[in-house]
Amino acid sequence: MASPPHHILVVDDAAEIRQLLRSAFEAEGMQVHEASEGSECADLLAREPIDLVTLDLNLGGEDGLRIARELRARRNVPIVMITGKADPIDRIVGLELGADDYIVKPFHMREVVARVRAVLRRYEASQATPADNAHPDKPCYEFDGWRFDMARREVRNPAGEVCDLTTAEFNLLGILLERPGRVLSRDELMDQLKGHDWSPLDRSIDALVARLRKKIEPHSERPMLIKTVRGVGYAFAGTVRRL
């Protein structure tokens, strides 16, 4: 039995870009919805089973980063930013807001489709059922009252509530928990994360750590779990117990 098509929401104020992306995604069997502004985006997200959003950061007079921030706060849906903003700072801010990928215009459509499919695969793997992921080599860890379950792809806080982590955030936490107390350089972390089908930028490790700290540290501005080792990288300073 064939799986249902993915629903992609293309948010861009340029009709020609929306049509270009629509044609490419529909050729891959995806179902495409279009929005030219933030209100249309919010309306479609409320009505349709959207699996992924492509988002331009230049939406006329609207701030695409604000839309991304609101979207990330409301729903756990993958975001691929496709924008003419090529400045590294824009890339870093986009990743800090929770974007799963960042593509700069002009782009090659085959690359866009490949990267969108890669994000969908990562997201679906993180949402798979425990039976899908169960494996004796996938450990569970406890740290500072938290529980990290590799098989379930799930992290719970001390109150037992599921913490909503992106795929990259989950993978980074897993890498740190496997090596408690060990200082890992940015290069080492990038190499490890590339093995998880993610292509970080030189500065995006710092942005990713900042995002993860905000979700698991009581006071992210004074981190106690993920420590910065100046000039080197990061180390997990909490007490970790493998279950």
Protein backbone atom coordinates (compact mmCIF):
# COMPACT_ATOMS: atom_id res chain seq x y z
CA MET A 1 0.00 0.00 0.00
CA ALA A 2 1.46 3.35 -1.08
CA SER A 3 2.17 5.90 1.64
CA PRO A 4 0.24 9.19 1.48
CA PRO A 5 1.99 12.12 -0.22
CA HIS A 6 3.88 14.65 1.82
CA HIS A 7 2.17 18.02 2.17
CA ILE A 8 4.58 20.91 1.56
CA LEU A 9 3.72 24.53 2.36
CA VAL A 10 5.66 26.99 0.18
CA VAL A 11 5.77 30.48 1.72
CA ASP A 12 7.16 33.11 -0.66
CA ASP A 13 5.85 36.46 -1.88
CA ALA A 14 7.19 35.84 -5.41
CA ALA A 15 4.64 33.95 -7.52
CA GLU A 16 7.32 32.69 -9.92
CA ILE A 17 9.32 31.12 -7.05
CA ARG A 18 6.19 29.48 -5.65
CA GLN A 19 5.39 28.05 -9.08
CA LEU A 20 8.95 26.81 -9.56
CA LEU A 21 8.92 25.01 -6.20
CA ARG A 22 5.39 23.69 -6.76
CA SER A 23 6.36 22.13 -10.09
CA ALA A 24 9.46 20.48 -8.62
CA PHE A 25 7.72 19.10 -5.53
CA GLU A 26 4.65 17.89 -7.46
CA ALA A 27 6.96 16.09 -9.87
CA GLU A 28 8.16 14.15 -6.80
CA GLY A 29 4.60 13.18 -5.87
CA MET A 30 4.22 15.76 -3.11
CA GLN A 31 1.12 17.86 -2.48
CA VAL A 32 1.86 21.57 -2.45
CA HIS A 33 0.13 24.48 -0.72
CA GLU A 34 1.12 28.11 -1.27
CA ALA A 35 1.18 31.24 0.89
CA SER A 36 2.49 34.70 0.08
CA GLU A 37 2.32 36.14 3.60
CA GLY A 38 2.27 35.22 7.27
CA SER A 39 -1.51 35.23 7.72
CA GLU A 40 -1.98 32.82 4.80
CA CYS A 41 0.74 30.60 6.24
CA ALA A 42 -0.99 30.48 9.64
CA ASP A 43 -4.36 29.75 8.05
CA LEU A 44 -3.03 26.85 5.96
CA LEU A 45 -1.19 25.37 8.95
CA ALA A 46 -4.44 25.41 10.90
CA ARG A 47 -6.41 23.71 8.09
CA GLU A 48 -4.00 21.36 6.33
CA PRO A 49 -1.78 18.42 7.48
CA ILE A 50 1.46 20.20 6.59
CA ASP A 51 4.58 18.00 6.78
CA LEU A 52 7.19 20.68 5.96
CA VAL A 53 7.36 24.44 5.35
CA THR A 54 9.72 26.20 2.95
CA LEU A 55 10.00 29.81 4.06
CA ASP A 56 11.40 32.91 2.39
CA LEU A 57 12.81 35.48 4.82
CA ASN A 58 11.90 38.42 2.56
CA LEU A 59 8.10 38.53 2.46
CA GLY A 60 7.35 42.03 1.29
CA GLY A 61 7.08 44.11 4.45
CA GLU A 62 6.97 41.08 6.76
CA ASP A 63 9.85 39.63 8.73
CA GLY A 64 10.30 35.98 7.77
CA LEU A 65 12.32 35.36 10.94
CA ARG A 66 9.35 36.47 13.05
CA ILE A 67 7.11 34.08 11.12
CA ALA A 68 9.64 31.28 11.68
CA ARG A 69 9.75 32.06 15.42
CA GLU A 70 5.97 31.96 15.71
CA LEU A 71 5.76 28.80 13.62
CA ARG A 72 8.36 27.01 15.74
CA ALA A 73 6.55 28.05 18.93
CA ARG A 74 3.20 26.69 17.70
CA ARG A 75 4.05 23.48 15.85
CA ASN A 76 6.78 20.89 15.58
CA VAL A 77 6.96 21.02 11.79
CA PRO A 78 10.23 21.04 9.81
CA ILE A 79 11.27 24.40 8.35
CA VAL A 80 13.55 24.83 5.34
CA MET A 81 14.46 28.46 4.79
CA ILE A 82 14.88 29.33 1.09
CA THR A 83 16.01 32.92 0.86
CA GLY A 84 18.16 35.49 -0.87
CA LYS A 85 19.80 36.41 2.45
CA ALA A 86 23.27 34.92 2.11
CA ASP A 87 24.91 36.66 5.09
CA PRO A 88 26.33 34.10 7.59
CA ILE A 89 24.60 35.96 10.43
CA ASP A 90 21.22 35.38 8.78
CA ARG A 91 22.04 31.69 8.46
CA ILE A 92 23.00 31.45 12.13
CA VAL A 93 19.89 33.31 13.29
CA GLY A 94 17.73 31.06 11.12
CA LEU A 95 19.27 27.95 12.65
CA GLU A 96 18.93 29.40 16.15
CA LEU A 97 15.21 29.82 15.52
CA GLY A 98 14.95 26.12 14.75
CA ALA A 99 15.23 25.93 10.97
CA ASP A 100 16.18 22.43 9.81
CA ASP A 101 18.03 23.68 6.72
CA TYR A 102 18.94 26.98 5.05
CA ILE A 103 19.15 27.30 1.24
CA VAL A 104 20.31 30.50 -0.47
CA LYS A 105 18.86 31.79 -3.75
CA PRO A 106 19.62 31.26 -6.57
CA PHE A 107 19.30 27.54 -6.04
CA HIS A 108 19.36 24.33 -8.06
CA MET A 109 15.98 22.60 -7.91
CA ARG A 110 17.43 19.08 -7.67
CA GLU A 111 19.42 20.16 -4.61
CA VAL A 112 16.34 21.76 -3.01
CA VAL A 113 14.29 18.59 -3.52
CA ALA A 114 17.11 16.40 -2.17
CA ARG A 115 17.54 18.54 0.94
CA VAL A 116 13.80 18.72 1.58
CA ARG A 117 13.61 14.91 1.33
CA ALA A 118 16.56 14.60 3.73
CA VAL A 119 14.81 16.83 6.30
CA LEU A 120 11.59 14.82 5.94
CA ARG A 121 13.52 11.56 6.49
CA ARG A 122 15.19 12.89 9.63
CA TYR A 123 11.92 14.18 11.02
CA GLU A 124 10.06 10.94 10.31
CA ALA A 125 12.84 8.94 11.95
CA SER A 126 12.56 11.09 15.07
CA GLN A 127 8.77 10.57 15.14
CA ALA A 128 8.83 6.81 14.55
CA THR A 129 7.14 4.54 17.09
CA PRO A 130 9.19 2.74 19.75
CA ALA A 131 8.66 -0.55 17.90
CA ASP A 132 10.15 1.00 14.77
CA ASN A 133 13.23 2.22 16.65
CA ALA A 134 13.70 -0.46 19.31
CA HIS A 135 17.20 -1.89 19.32
CA PRO A 136 19.25 -3.29 22.19
CA ASP A 137 22.23 -1.10 21.26
CA LYS A 138 20.26 2.13 21.63
CA PRO A 139 20.78 3.27 25.23
CA CYS A 140 18.79 5.28 27.73
CA TYR A 141 20.48 7.88 29.94
CA GLU A 142 19.46 9.82 33.05
CA PHE A 143 20.95 13.20 33.90
CA ASP A 144 19.85 15.83 36.40
CA GLY A 145 16.36 14.29 36.59
CA TRP A 146 16.03 14.10 32.79
CA ARG A 147 15.63 10.89 30.78
CA PHE A 148 17.07 10.44 27.29
CA ASP A 149 15.75 7.43 25.33
CA MET A 150 17.63 6.75 22.10
CA ALA A 151 15.29 3.97 20.97
CA ARG A 152 12.15 6.07 21.37
CA ARG A 153 13.92 9.22 20.12
CA GLU A 154 12.47 10.90 23.19
CA VAL A 155 13.67 13.22 25.96
CA ARG A 156 11.60 13.79 29.12
CA ASN A 157 12.16 16.50 31.71
CA PRO A 158 12.13 15.86 35.48
CA ALA A 159 8.34 16.32 35.49
CA GLY A 160 7.99 13.49 32.96
CA GLU A 161 6.98 15.78 30.10
CA VAL A 162 8.35 15.23 26.60
CA CYS A 163 10.82 17.94 25.56
CA ASP A 164 10.38 18.96 21.93
CA LEU A 165 13.84 18.74 20.34
CA THR A 166 14.70 19.00 16.68
CA THR A 167 16.61 16.11 15.11
CA ALA A 168 19.91 17.99 15.28
CA GLU A 169 19.33 18.97 18.93
CA PHE A 170 18.49 15.38 19.88
CA ASN A 171 21.56 14.02 18.08
CA LEU A 172 23.85 16.60 19.70
CA LEU A 173 22.53 15.76 23.17
CA GLY A 174 23.08 12.06 22.49
CA ILE A 175 26.69 12.70 21.43
CA LEU A 176 27.38 14.67 24.62
CA LEU A 177 25.71 12.10 26.89
CA GLU A 178 27.80 9.30 25.38
CA ARG A 179 30.96 11.19 26.41
CA PRO A 180 30.23 12.91 29.76
CA GLY A 181 33.07 15.07 31.02
CA ARG A 182 35.00 14.85 27.78
CA VAL A 183 35.81 18.09 25.95
CA LEU A 184 34.62 17.86 22.35
CA SER A 185 35.89 20.37 19.83
CA ARG A 186 33.58 22.02 17.33
CA ASP A 187 35.25 20.01 14.57
CA GLU A 188 34.57 16.75 16.42
CA LEU A 189 30.94 17.69 16.94
CA MET A 190 30.54 18.66 13.30
CA ASP A 191 32.04 15.34 12.21
CA GLN A 192 29.68 13.42 14.50
CA LEU A 193 26.62 15.37 13.36
CA LYS A 194 27.50 14.95 9.69
CA GLY A 195 27.25 11.24 10.35
CA HIS A 196 23.61 11.95 11.27
CA ASP A 197 22.86 13.36 7.81
CA TRP A 198 23.18 17.00 8.84
CA SER A 199 25.54 19.52 7.28
CA PRO A 200 26.39 22.17 9.87
CA LEU A 201 28.03 25.48 9.08
CA ASP A 202 31.19 26.56 10.89
CA ARG A 203 29.24 28.66 13.40
CA SER A 204 26.06 26.63 13.54
CA ILE A 205 27.44 24.32 16.27
CA ASP A 206 27.40 27.31 18.63
CA ALA A 207 23.85 28.17 17.56
CA LEU A 208 22.76 24.55 18.03
CA VAL A 209 24.28 24.39 21.51
CA ALA A 210 22.51 27.65 22.42
CA ARG A 211 19.17 26.24 21.27
CA LEU A 212 19.69 23.00 23.22
CA ARG A 213 20.69 24.89 26.36
CA LYS A 214 17.46 26.91 26.26
CA LYS A 215 15.50 23.66 26.34
CA ILE A 216 17.35 21.65 28.99
CA GLU A 217 19.19 24.16 31.20
CA PRO A 218 17.31 25.85 34.10
CA HIS A 219 19.23 29.05 33.31
CA SER A 220 20.62 28.91 29.78
CA GLU A 221 22.59 32.14 30.30
CA ARG A 222 24.44 30.35 33.15
CA PRO A 223 24.71 26.80 31.81
CA MET A 224 25.47 24.03 34.29
CA LEU A 225 25.08 20.99 32.03
CA ILE A 226 26.72 21.94 28.71
CA LYS A 227 29.88 23.83 29.55
CA THR A 228 31.87 25.96 27.12
CA VAL A 229 35.59 25.26 27.10
CA ARG A 230 36.98 28.51 25.76
CA GLY A 231 38.95 28.13 22.56
CA VAL A 232 38.22 24.40 22.32
CA GLY A 233 34.57 23.38 22.33
CA TYR A 234 32.01 21.92 24.75
CA ALA A 235 31.72 19.30 27.49
CA PHE A 236 28.75 17.75 29.27
CA ALA A 237 29.27 18.51 32.96
CA GLY A 238 26.20 16.84 34.44
CA THR A 239 26.17 13.41 36.11
CA VAL A 240 25.10 10.85 33.51
CA ARG A 241 23.80 7.36 34.30
CA ARG A 242 23.28 4.80 31.58
CA LEU A 243 20.14 2.71 32.15
